[in-house]
């Protein structure tokens, strides 16, 4: 990149670019320079995703790839926690419902590439930071929160990422530049722009504007109006300095990114929840462990508080530990009574489907644990369990935007707090409960005060009528707005 370098017409200091170029050189020296290597692709069906969502995986191949399916769309993503995968599944689901064939393009899965090695390294650091933030309050207060809240907000941070993401372009060689490319993390979007892809949509997560998520040259989509304005004005991206704004064609508000099958069945599922309240049946709680596996100890203390209600069959508990076997093991250590309760462990996908069917037939009780080695099964199991649950317990990340009553536990990073703020003000979720005591109080309130839970479901139905949960469809539609 040559000077002057600008982000949306805002000049970036030469010292920032020089530092970014030096960092890029270090990565290429450490992980190998494959910028002139030609990689090929192949498409492969996935045992779960292809039958369920029509998704085909793009993997490293031996010859030039051309899409075999009709009306293709590329879903560019990475695993950084579960949130970006979750948005990818929502987009793929709505893309298929809109007549596209989604191709899953996961940059770290191409393990031989330099880009994959860089992303894996950075993701491991992020996961470690997430876990430490829950374990060490001093680390969280003085490093992790400021980094996630203010550090990632700086325009200089985005400039550095834009330089680094040029390292990811070799794996894009086979992609037809005219096939729509929709990314659920900024790095695949930035790399797509560098690689000459003409139709790039950059799907922004969260509700706290950060320069981290900018991919200049793409259409940026948002889930909330406040985030749209924050990004449009680049507000706070260079301290108190007033920056030149993004153009109208650079950004669009879409609404919440939610899977087609959840939106399509929203009214039915909400009415079933309301009927369970009216009939005074057992309330179903779904607890989800995030992609970094950072909530295990917090949830253990909440589960202990719920045990009497589970024993009296007032509550059914679903616990999805994702692909974190160590969390599963730790739960049994933290909760001695768990073995006595004889929870049902679901590890095979067929077992998870059987449990969902049992819940759908209203023959469900006790504690059900879900652990899947396959990352897709780990993430998607929450989707199908949500439809059979009354309350979702989660940190305020991407699940903040889903149409189910929510109890929010302590965040992992300052940017996540705005998901809980947004949901609590909409009325479809609680405020953030950052201590065990406040989380248990909120759970007791939701379980025992039927008015509160009933109102959340009614708000979800009202918001559905406003098409707030249709954001994934609208993000897909944004692909058609890009000028070739």
Protein backbone atom coordinates (compact mmCIF):
# COMPACT_ATOMS: atom_id res chain seq x y z
CA UNK A 1 0.00 0.00 0.00
CA UNK A 2 1.37 3.39 -1.02
CA UNK A 3 0.89 6.69 0.74
CA UNK A 4 -1.42 8.47 1.10
CA UNK A 5 -3.56 5.62 2.45
CA UNK A 6 -7.12 6.53 3.39
CA UNK A 7 -10.08 4.79 5.00
CA UNK A 8 -13.31 6.33 3.73
CA UNK A 9 -11.34 9.47 2.77
CA UNK A 10 -9.74 9.72 6.22
CA UNK A 11 -5.91 9.77 5.92
CA UNK A 12 -3.95 7.21 7.93
CA UNK A 13 -0.56 8.17 9.32
CA UNK A 14 2.47 6.80 7.52
CA UNK A 15 3.82 5.46 10.82
CA UNK A 16 0.69 3.29 11.21
CA UNK A 17 1.09 1.82 7.72
CA UNK A 18 4.81 1.26 8.22
CA UNK A 19 4.12 -0.61 11.46
CA UNK A 20 1.45 -2.70 9.72
CA UNK A 21 3.79 -3.59 6.84
CA UNK A 22 6.49 -4.65 9.31
CA UNK A 23 3.98 -6.86 11.12
CA UNK A 24 3.00 -8.43 7.80
CA UNK A 25 6.67 -9.18 7.05
CA UNK A 26 7.02 -10.88 10.44
CA UNK A 27 3.98 -13.07 9.75
CA UNK A 28 5.28 -14.06 6.32
CA UNK A 29 8.67 -14.89 7.78
CA UNK A 30 7.17 -16.94 10.61
CA UNK A 31 4.44 -18.77 8.68
CA UNK A 32 5.84 -18.79 5.12
CA UNK A 33 5.27 -16.53 2.14
CA UNK A 34 2.69 -18.08 -0.22
CA UNK A 35 1.50 -14.84 -1.84
CA UNK A 36 2.41 -16.18 -5.29
CA UNK A 37 1.17 -19.73 -4.68
CA UNK A 38 -1.89 -20.82 -6.66
CA UNK A 39 -4.33 -22.85 -4.57
CA UNK A 40 -7.31 -24.67 -6.03
CA UNK A 41 -10.68 -25.54 -4.50
CA UNK A 42 -13.22 -28.33 -4.55
CA UNK A 43 -16.78 -28.52 -3.25
CA UNK A 44 -17.80 -31.21 -0.79
CA UNK A 45 -21.18 -32.02 0.79
CA UNK A 46 -21.33 -32.01 4.60
CA UNK A 47 -23.18 -34.74 6.49
CA UNK A 48 -25.18 -32.23 8.55
CA UNK A 49 -25.13 -28.93 6.67
CA UNK A 50 -25.93 -30.13 3.17
CA UNK A 51 -29.19 -32.00 4.00
CA UNK A 52 -30.27 -29.39 6.57
CA UNK A 53 -29.28 -26.12 4.89
CA UNK A 54 -28.07 -27.01 1.40
CA UNK A 55 -24.53 -25.88 2.27
CA UNK A 56 -21.51 -27.21 0.38
CA UNK A 57 -18.03 -26.90 1.84
CA UNK A 58 -15.20 -25.38 -0.16
CA UNK A 59 -11.99 -27.28 0.55
CA UNK A 60 -8.50 -27.33 -0.93
CA UNK A 61 -8.48 -29.17 -4.26
CA UNK A 62 -6.15 -30.11 -7.09
CA UNK A 63 -7.64 -28.36 -10.12
CA UNK A 64 -9.51 -25.19 -11.06
CA UNK A 65 -12.90 -25.03 -9.32
CA UNK A 66 -16.14 -23.94 -10.91
CA UNK A 67 -19.42 -23.99 -8.99
CA UNK A 68 -21.43 -27.10 -9.82
CA UNK A 69 -24.60 -25.88 -8.08
CA UNK A 70 -26.99 -23.26 -9.43
CA UNK A 71 -27.07 -19.64 -8.23
CA UNK A 72 -24.01 -19.90 -5.95
CA UNK A 73 -23.16 -17.55 -3.11
CA UNK A 74 -19.98 -17.70 -1.04
CA UNK A 75 -20.26 -17.49 2.78
CA UNK A 76 -16.81 -16.33 3.91
CA UNK A 77 -16.13 -16.97 7.58
CA UNK A 78 -13.68 -17.93 10.31
CA UNK A 79 -14.08 -19.51 13.69
CA UNK A 80 -13.49 -16.90 16.37
CA UNK A 81 -15.73 -18.12 19.14
CA UNK A 82 -19.04 -19.44 17.81
CA UNK A 83 -20.62 -16.10 16.87
CA UNK A 84 -19.25 -15.77 13.33
CA UNK A 85 -20.16 -19.38 12.53
CA UNK A 86 -23.63 -18.74 13.95
CA UNK A 87 -24.17 -15.75 11.67
CA UNK A 88 -22.83 -17.79 8.74
CA UNK A 89 -25.43 -20.50 9.38
CA UNK A 90 -28.19 -17.88 9.56
CA UNK A 91 -27.08 -16.33 6.27
CA UNK A 92 -26.72 -19.70 4.55
CA UNK A 93 -30.18 -20.73 5.73
CA UNK A 94 -31.78 -17.53 4.43
CA UNK A 95 -29.70 -17.67 1.23
CA UNK A 96 -31.07 -21.11 0.48
CA UNK A 97 -34.61 -19.89 1.22
CA UNK A 98 -33.95 -17.02 -1.21
CA UNK A 99 -32.93 -19.35 -4.04
CA UNK A 100 -29.14 -19.42 -3.62
CA UNK A 101 -26.80 -22.36 -3.09
CA UNK A 102 -24.50 -21.42 -0.19
CA UNK A 103 -20.82 -22.39 -0.26
CA UNK A 104 -19.04 -22.46 3.11
CA UNK A 105 -15.63 -20.75 2.71
CA UNK A 106 -13.82 -21.06 6.06
CA UNK A 107 -10.36 -19.48 5.79
CA UNK A 108 -8.66 -21.32 8.71
CA UNK A 109 -9.80 -24.68 7.31
CA UNK A 110 -7.19 -24.33 4.53
CA UNK A 111 -4.47 -25.36 6.97
CA UNK A 112 -1.56 -25.37 4.53
CA UNK A 113 -1.98 -21.66 3.73
CA UNK A 114 -0.12 -18.84 5.45
CA UNK A 115 -3.42 -17.03 6.02
CA UNK A 116 -4.87 -19.98 7.93
CA UNK A 117 -1.81 -20.15 10.17
CA UNK A 118 -2.04 -16.43 10.96
CA UNK A 119 -5.76 -16.64 11.75
CA UNK A 120 -5.32 -19.75 13.92
CA UNK A 121 -2.58 -17.96 15.87
CA UNK A 122 -4.73 -14.85 16.42
CA UNK A 123 -7.81 -16.90 17.31
CA UNK A 124 -5.86 -18.84 19.94
CA UNK A 125 -4.81 -15.55 21.52
CA UNK A 126 -8.43 -14.31 21.48
CA UNK A 127 -9.73 -17.53 23.06
CA UNK A 128 -7.04 -17.39 25.75
CA UNK A 129 -7.91 -13.76 26.48
CA UNK A 130 -11.61 -14.63 26.74
CA UNK A 131 -10.91 -17.39 29.27
CA UNK A 132 -8.49 -15.26 31.29
CA UNK A 133 -11.01 -12.40 31.37
CA UNK A 134 -13.42 -14.66 33.26
CA UNK A 135 -10.71 -16.01 35.56
CA UNK A 136 -8.59 -12.94 36.39
CA UNK A 137 -10.48 -9.75 37.21
CA UNK A 138 -7.36 -7.55 37.04
CA UNK A 139 -6.53 -8.82 33.53
CA UNK A 140 -10.14 -8.24 32.48
CA UNK A 141 -10.35 -4.73 33.91
CA UNK A 142 -7.03 -3.33 32.76
CA UNK A 143 -6.43 -5.20 29.47
CA UNK A 144 -9.25 -7.27 28.01
CA UNK A 145 -12.16 -4.87 28.47
CA UNK A 146 -10.19 -1.82 27.21
CA UNK A 147 -8.89 -3.81 24.20
CA UNK A 148 -12.34 -5.05 23.17
CA UNK A 149 -14.08 -1.78 23.93
CA UNK A 150 -11.65 0.91 22.78
CA UNK A 151 -8.61 -0.77 21.20
CA UNK A 152 -10.57 -2.45 18.41
CA UNK A 153 -12.49 0.80 17.85
CA UNK A 154 -9.49 2.70 16.44
CA UNK A 155 -9.23 3.40 12.73
CA UNK A 156 -5.50 2.64 12.97
CA UNK A 157 -6.40 -0.92 14.05
CA UNK A 158 -8.44 -1.36 10.88
CA UNK A 159 -5.56 -0.06 8.74
CA UNK A 160 -3.32 -2.72 10.24
CA UNK A 161 -5.88 -5.45 9.52
CA UNK A 162 -6.34 -4.29 5.94
CA UNK A 163 -2.61 -4.76 5.36
CA UNK A 164 -2.54 -8.14 7.13
CA UNK A 165 -5.56 -9.48 5.23
CA UNK A 166 -3.64 -9.30 1.94
CA UNK A 167 -1.94 -12.47 3.25
CA UNK A 168 -5.24 -14.35 2.92
CA UNK A 169 -5.81 -13.78 -0.82
CA UNK A 170 -4.04 -16.81 -2.43
CA UNK A 171 -6.88 -19.17 -1.49
CA UNK A 172 -9.33 -16.90 -3.39
CA UNK A 173 -7.69 -17.74 -6.75
CA UNK A 174 -10.49 -20.02 -8.02
CA UNK A 175 -13.40 -17.81 -6.97
CA UNK A 176 -15.34 -16.26 -9.83
CA UNK A 177 -15.24 -12.49 -9.08
CA UNK A 178 -18.90 -12.19 -10.14
CA UNK A 179 -20.23 -14.70 -7.59
CA UNK A 180 -21.71 -12.83 -4.58
CA UNK A 181 -19.45 -13.04 -1.53
CA UNK A 182 -20.96 -12.43 1.91
CA UNK A 183 -18.59 -12.45 4.89
CA UNK A 184 -19.40 -12.88 8.57
CA UNK A 185 -15.97 -11.72 9.73
CA UNK A 186 -14.12 -8.71 8.45
CA UNK A 187 -10.96 -10.60 7.39
CA UNK A 188 -12.66 -12.72 4.69
CA UNK A 189 -14.39 -9.54 3.47
CA UNK A 190 -11.16 -7.53 3.32
CA UNK A 191 -9.35 -10.37 1.55
CA UNK A 192 -12.20 -10.66 -0.96
CA UNK A 193 -11.80 -6.97 -1.82
CA UNK A 194 -8.03 -7.42 -2.20
CA UNK A 195 -8.65 -10.47 -4.42
CA UNK A 196 -10.86 -8.52 -6.82
CA UNK A 197 -14.26 -9.98 -5.88
CA UNK A 198 -16.89 -7.56 -7.22
CA UNK A 199 -19.87 -8.29 -4.96
CA UNK A 200 -18.80 -8.27 -1.31
CA UNK A 201 -21.15 -7.85 1.64
CA UNK A 202 -19.51 -7.41 5.05
CA UNK A 203 -21.94 -8.57 7.75
CA UNK A 204 -21.16 -6.69 10.97
CA UNK A 205 -21.82 -8.51 14.26
CA UNK A 206 -22.48 -7.01 17.71
CA UNK A 207 -23.96 -3.64 18.59
CA UNK A 208 -20.84 -1.61 19.44
CA UNK A 209 -19.30 0.21 16.43
CA UNK A 210 -15.61 -0.65 16.00
CA UNK A 211 -13.22 0.12 13.15
CA UNK A 212 -12.16 -3.52 13.46
CA UNK A 213 -15.23 -4.45 11.37
CA UNK A 214 -14.61 -2.15 8.39
CA UNK A 215 -13.95 -3.66 4.95
CA UNK A 216 -13.55 -0.72 2.63
CA UNK A 217 -15.07 -1.48 -0.78
CA UNK A 218 -17.87 -3.71 0.54
CA UNK A 219 -21.44 -3.07 1.63
CA UNK A 220 -21.59 -3.11 5.44
CA UNK A 221 -24.76 -4.47 7.05
CA UNK A 222 -25.83 -3.85 10.65
CA UNK A 223 -28.35 -5.29 13.10
CA UNK A 224 -29.35 -2.09 14.94
CA UNK A 225 -30.07 1.52 14.05
CA UNK A 226 -27.63 2.83 16.66
CA UNK A 227 -24.80 0.72 15.20
CA UNK A 228 -25.70 1.98 11.71
CA UNK A 229 -25.29 5.61 12.77
CA UNK A 230 -22.10 4.86 14.73
CA UNK A 231 -20.50 3.21 11.71
CA UNK A 232 -21.85 5.74 9.22
CA UNK A 233 -20.18 8.61 11.13
CA UNK A 234 -17.12 6.52 12.17
CA UNK A 235 -17.94 7.92 15.59
CA UNK A 236 -15.11 7.65 18.09
CA UNK A 237 -12.85 5.79 15.64
CA UNK A 238 -10.10 8.39 16.16
CA UNK A 239 -10.73 9.64 19.67
CA UNK A 240 -12.83 12.82 19.68
CA UNK A 241 -11.83 13.75 16.15
CA UNK A 242 -14.73 14.27 13.73
CA UNK A 243 -14.09 12.02 10.72
CA UNK A 244 -15.46 12.03 7.19
CA UNK A 245 -18.47 9.69 7.15
CA UNK A 246 -19.12 6.60 5.08
CA UNK A 247 -21.28 7.10 2.01
CA UNK A 248 -24.89 5.92 2.01
CA UNK A 249 -24.08 3.09 -0.41
CA UNK A 250 -21.38 1.77 1.94
CA UNK A 251 -23.73 0.75 4.76
CA UNK A 252 -27.28 -0.48 5.28
CA UNK A 253 -29.42 -1.44 8.28
CA UNK A 254 -30.83 -4.97 7.99
CA UNK A 255 -32.06 -6.10 11.41
CA UNK A 256 -31.22 -9.22 13.39
CA UNK A 257 -29.44 -12.07 11.60
CA UNK A 258 -31.66 -15.09 12.33
CA UNK A 259 -31.96 -18.44 10.55
CA UNK A 260 -34.84 -19.01 8.12
CA UNK A 261 -36.25 -21.98 10.04
CA UNK A 262 -36.38 -19.94 13.27
CA UNK A 263 -38.08 -16.98 11.58
CA UNK A 264 -40.48 -19.20 9.63
CA UNK A 265 -41.59 -20.97 12.83
CA UNK A 266 -41.38 -17.97 15.17
CA UNK A 267 -45.11 -17.51 15.71
CA UNK A 268 -45.68 -21.22 16.25
CA UNK A 269 -42.79 -21.54 18.71
CA UNK A 270 -43.75 -18.39 20.64
CA UNK A 271 -47.34 -19.57 20.99
CA UNK A 272 -46.14 -22.92 22.33
CA UNK A 273 -44.08 -21.05 24.94
CA UNK A 274 -47.09 -18.98 25.92
CA UNK A 275 -49.23 -22.13 26.18
CA UNK A 276 -46.67 -23.77 28.48
CA UNK A 277 -46.83 -20.70 30.72
CA UNK A 278 -50.63 -20.70 30.77
CA UNK A 279 -50.78 -24.45 31.42
CA UNK A 280 -48.17 -24.13 34.23
CA UNK A 281 -45.97 -26.78 32.65
CA UNK A 282 -42.25 -27.21 33.38
CA UNK A 283 -40.15 -24.37 32.00
CA UNK A 284 -37.28 -25.35 29.73
CA UNK A 285 -33.95 -23.59 30.18
CA UNK A 286 -31.19 -23.77 27.57
CA UNK A 287 -27.68 -22.84 28.73
CA UNK A 288 -25.07 -22.36 26.00
CA UNK A 289 -21.30 -22.32 26.46
CA UNK A 290 -19.57 -19.86 24.11
CA UNK A 291 -16.87 -20.73 21.60
CA UNK A 292 -14.03 -19.92 23.99
CA UNK A 293 -15.55 -22.13 26.70
CA UNK A 294 -15.38 -19.32 29.25
CA UNK A 295 -18.71 -19.62 31.12
CA UNK A 296 -18.43 -23.07 32.71
CA UNK A 297 -17.84 -22.08 36.35
CA UNK A 298 -20.48 -19.34 36.19
CA UNK A 299 -23.08 -21.76 34.86
CA UNK A 300 -22.16 -24.40 37.44
CA UNK A 301 -23.28 -22.10 40.24
CA UNK A 302 -26.50 -21.28 38.42
CA UNK A 303 -27.19 -24.97 37.87
CA UNK A 304 -26.75 -25.72 41.57
CA UNK A 305 -29.43 -23.14 42.33
CA UNK A 306 -31.79 -24.80 39.84
CA UNK A 307 -31.40 -28.39 41.08
CA UNK A 308 -34.41 -28.33 43.49
CA UNK A 309 -36.71 -27.10 40.72
CA UNK A 310 -35.36 -29.77 38.36
CA UNK A 311 -35.97 -32.47 40.99
CA UNK A 312 -39.55 -31.28 41.49
CA UNK A 313 -40.00 -31.28 37.68
CA UNK A 314 -40.71 -27.54 37.56
CA UNK A 315 -37.72 -27.07 35.26
CA UNK A 316 -36.11 -29.00 32.41
CA UNK A 317 -32.48 -28.07 31.79
CA UNK A 318 -30.60 -28.27 28.47
CA UNK A 319 -26.85 -27.56 28.65
CA UNK A 320 -24.91 -27.25 25.40
CA UNK A 321 -21.17 -27.30 26.08
CA UNK A 322 -20.43 -27.13 22.34
CA UNK A 323 -17.17 -28.87 21.43
CA UNK A 324 -15.59 -28.18 24.85
CA UNK A 325 -15.15 -31.56 26.51
CA UNK A 326 -13.15 -29.99 29.35
CA UNK A 327 -16.22 -27.91 30.27
CA UNK A 328 -18.32 -31.05 30.42
CA UNK A 329 -15.77 -32.69 32.73
CA UNK A 330 -15.50 -29.57 34.90
CA UNK A 331 -19.27 -29.34 35.39
CA UNK A 332 -19.29 -32.76 37.08
CA UNK A 333 -16.42 -31.61 39.32
CA UNK A 334 -18.09 -28.31 40.20
CA UNK A 335 -21.51 -29.88 40.83
CA UNK A 336 -21.14 -33.08 42.91
CA UNK A 337 -24.91 -33.64 42.84
CA UNK A 338 -24.92 -33.83 39.05
CA UNK A 339 -24.04 -37.54 38.97
CA UNK A 340 -26.87 -38.26 41.38
CA UNK A 341 -29.33 -36.50 39.07
CA UNK A 342 -28.37 -38.93 36.26
CA UNK A 343 -28.36 -36.40 33.40
CA UNK A 344 -28.71 -37.66 29.84
CA UNK A 345 -25.62 -37.05 27.71
CA UNK A 346 -26.16 -36.51 23.98
CA UNK A 347 -22.98 -36.87 21.91
CA UNK A 348 -24.27 -38.32 18.65
CA UNK A 349 -26.27 -36.05 16.36
CA UNK A 350 -29.02 -38.66 16.15
CA UNK A 351 -29.33 -38.57 19.95
CA UNK A 352 -29.69 -34.78 19.89
CA UNK A 353 -32.43 -35.05 17.27
CA UNK A 354 -34.23 -37.68 19.37
CA UNK A 355 -34.12 -35.35 22.37
CA UNK A 356 -35.60 -32.50 20.33
CA UNK A 357 -38.34 -34.81 19.10
CA UNK A 358 -39.06 -35.89 22.68
CA UNK A 359 -39.30 -32.25 23.75
CA UNK A 360 -41.57 -31.46 20.81
CA UNK A 361 -43.90 -34.23 21.97
CA UNK A 362 -43.86 -32.70 25.50
CA UNK A 363 -42.25 -35.82 27.00
CA UNK A 364 -39.12 -34.31 28.46
CA UNK A 365 -37.74 -33.89 31.97
CA UNK A 366 -34.49 -33.77 33.94
CA UNK A 367 -31.09 -32.56 32.74
CA UNK A 368 -29.79 -33.02 29.21
CA UNK A 369 -26.15 -32.39 28.32
CA UNK A 370 -25.04 -31.86 24.72
CA UNK A 371 -21.45 -32.30 23.57
CA UNK A 372 -20.42 -32.61 19.93
CA UNK A 373 -16.88 -32.94 18.60
CA UNK A 374 -17.99 -31.64 15.21
CA UNK A 375 -18.05 -27.83 15.40
CA UNK A 376 -21.06 -27.58 13.07
CA UNK A 377 -23.09 -29.92 15.26
CA UNK A 378 -21.92 -28.04 18.35
CA UNK A 379 -23.18 -24.71 17.01
CA UNK A 380 -26.32 -25.89 15.23
CA UNK A 381 -27.58 -27.93 18.18
CA UNK A 382 -28.33 -24.63 19.94
CA UNK A 383 -30.53 -23.65 16.99
CA UNK A 384 -32.73 -26.71 17.16
CA UNK A 385 -32.82 -26.68 20.98
CA UNK A 386 -33.91 -23.03 20.98
CA UNK A 387 -37.18 -23.96 19.34
CA UNK A 388 -38.02 -26.28 22.24
CA UNK A 389 -36.82 -23.96 25.04
CA UNK A 390 -38.52 -21.23 27.06
CA UNK A 391 -35.47 -19.31 28.31
CA UNK A 392 -32.03 -19.02 26.74
CA UNK A 393 -29.14 -18.37 29.13
CA UNK A 394 -26.20 -16.85 27.26
CA UNK A 395 -23.54 -14.21 27.34
CA UNK A 396 -24.68 -11.13 25.38
CA UNK A 397 -22.98 -11.99 22.09
CA UNK A 398 -24.66 -12.98 18.80
CA UNK A 399 -27.40 -14.92 20.57
CA UNK A 400 -28.59 -11.54 21.94
CA UNK A 401 -30.39 -11.02 18.65
CA UNK A 402 -32.35 -14.29 18.54
CA UNK A 403 -36.16 -14.49 19.01
CA UNK A 404 -36.36 -16.28 22.35
CA UNK A 405 -36.64 -14.90 25.91
CA UNK A 406 -33.08 -14.47 27.19
CA UNK A 407 -31.29 -14.26 30.53
CA UNK A 408 -27.90 -12.63 29.94
CA UNK A 409 -24.90 -13.61 32.06
CA UNK A 410 -21.56 -11.82 32.34
CA UNK A 411 -20.08 -10.61 29.07
CA UNK A 412 -16.71 -11.61 27.60
CA UNK A 413 -15.34 -8.28 26.37
CA UNK A 414 -16.78 -4.79 26.71
CA UNK A 415 -18.28 -4.73 23.21
CA UNK A 416 -20.75 -7.48 24.18
CA UNK A 417 -22.55 -5.38 26.79
CA UNK A 418 -24.40 -3.50 24.03
CA UNK A 419 -26.10 -6.71 22.91
CA UNK A 420 -27.75 -7.03 26.32
CA UNK A 421 -28.61 -3.32 26.40
CA UNK A 422 -30.27 -3.59 22.99
CA UNK A 423 -32.24 -6.74 23.88
CA UNK A 424 -33.37 -5.49 27.29
CA UNK A 425 -34.62 -2.23 25.76
CA UNK A 426 -36.46 -4.11 23.01
CA UNK A 427 -38.03 -6.28 25.71
CA UNK A 428 -37.05 -9.74 24.40
CA UNK A 429 -34.26 -10.31 26.96
CA UNK A 430 -32.96 -9.34 30.39
CA UNK A 431 -30.28 -6.84 31.29
CA UNK A 432 -26.76 -8.23 31.76
CA UNK A 433 -26.32 -10.13 35.03
CA UNK A 434 -22.61 -9.78 35.80
CA UNK A 435 -22.63 -11.70 39.10
CA UNK A 436 -23.89 -15.11 40.15
CA UNK A 437 -26.27 -13.48 42.61
CA UNK A 438 -27.86 -11.22 40.00
CA UNK A 439 -28.10 -14.06 37.48
CA UNK A 440 -29.83 -16.32 39.99
CA UNK A 441 -32.17 -13.48 40.96
CA UNK A 442 -33.09 -12.89 37.31
CA UNK A 443 -33.63 -16.60 36.69
CA UNK A 444 -35.87 -16.89 39.76
CA UNK A 445 -37.85 -13.87 38.52
CA UNK A 446 -38.34 -15.34 35.05
CA UNK A 447 -39.31 -18.75 36.41
CA UNK A 448 -41.73 -17.55 39.07
CA UNK A 449 -43.21 -14.36 37.58
CA UNK A 450 -45.13 -15.54 34.56
CA UNK A 451 -45.98 -11.96 33.62
CA UNK A 452 -42.34 -11.17 32.81
CA UNK A 453 -41.83 -14.22 30.61
CA UNK A 454 -45.19 -13.74 28.94
CA UNK A 455 -44.30 -10.13 28.08
CA UNK A 456 -41.01 -11.20 26.48
CA UNK A 457 -42.83 -13.61 24.20
CA UNK A 458 -45.41 -11.00 23.29
CA UNK A 459 -42.65 -8.51 22.45
CA UNK A 460 -41.00 -11.12 20.21
CA UNK A 461 -44.27 -11.48 18.29
CA UNK A 462 -44.56 -7.68 17.95
CA UNK A 463 -40.98 -7.34 16.74
CA UNK A 464 -41.53 -10.18 14.29
CA UNK A 465 -44.44 -8.23 12.78
CA UNK A 466 -41.98 -5.35 12.29
CA UNK A 467 -39.62 -7.81 10.50
CA UNK A 468 -36.81 -7.05 12.95
CA UNK A 469 -35.67 -10.69 12.87
CA UNK A 470 -35.45 -10.70 9.03
CA UNK A 471 -31.92 -9.25 8.92
CA UNK A 472 -30.28 -12.29 7.32
CA UNK A 473 -32.69 -12.18 4.37
CA UNK A 474 -31.99 -8.46 3.90
CA UNK A 475 -28.22 -9.02 4.11
CA UNK A 476 -28.53 -11.59 1.31
CA UNK A 477 -30.60 -9.13 -0.71
CA UNK A 478 -27.76 -6.58 -0.32
CA UNK A 479 -25.69 -8.71 -2.70
CA UNK A 480 -27.90 -7.47 -5.53
CA UNK A 481 -27.23 -3.82 -4.70
CA UNK A 482 -23.54 -3.92 -5.49
CA UNK A 483 -22.44 -2.28 -8.69
CA UNK A 484 -20.26 -4.39 -10.92
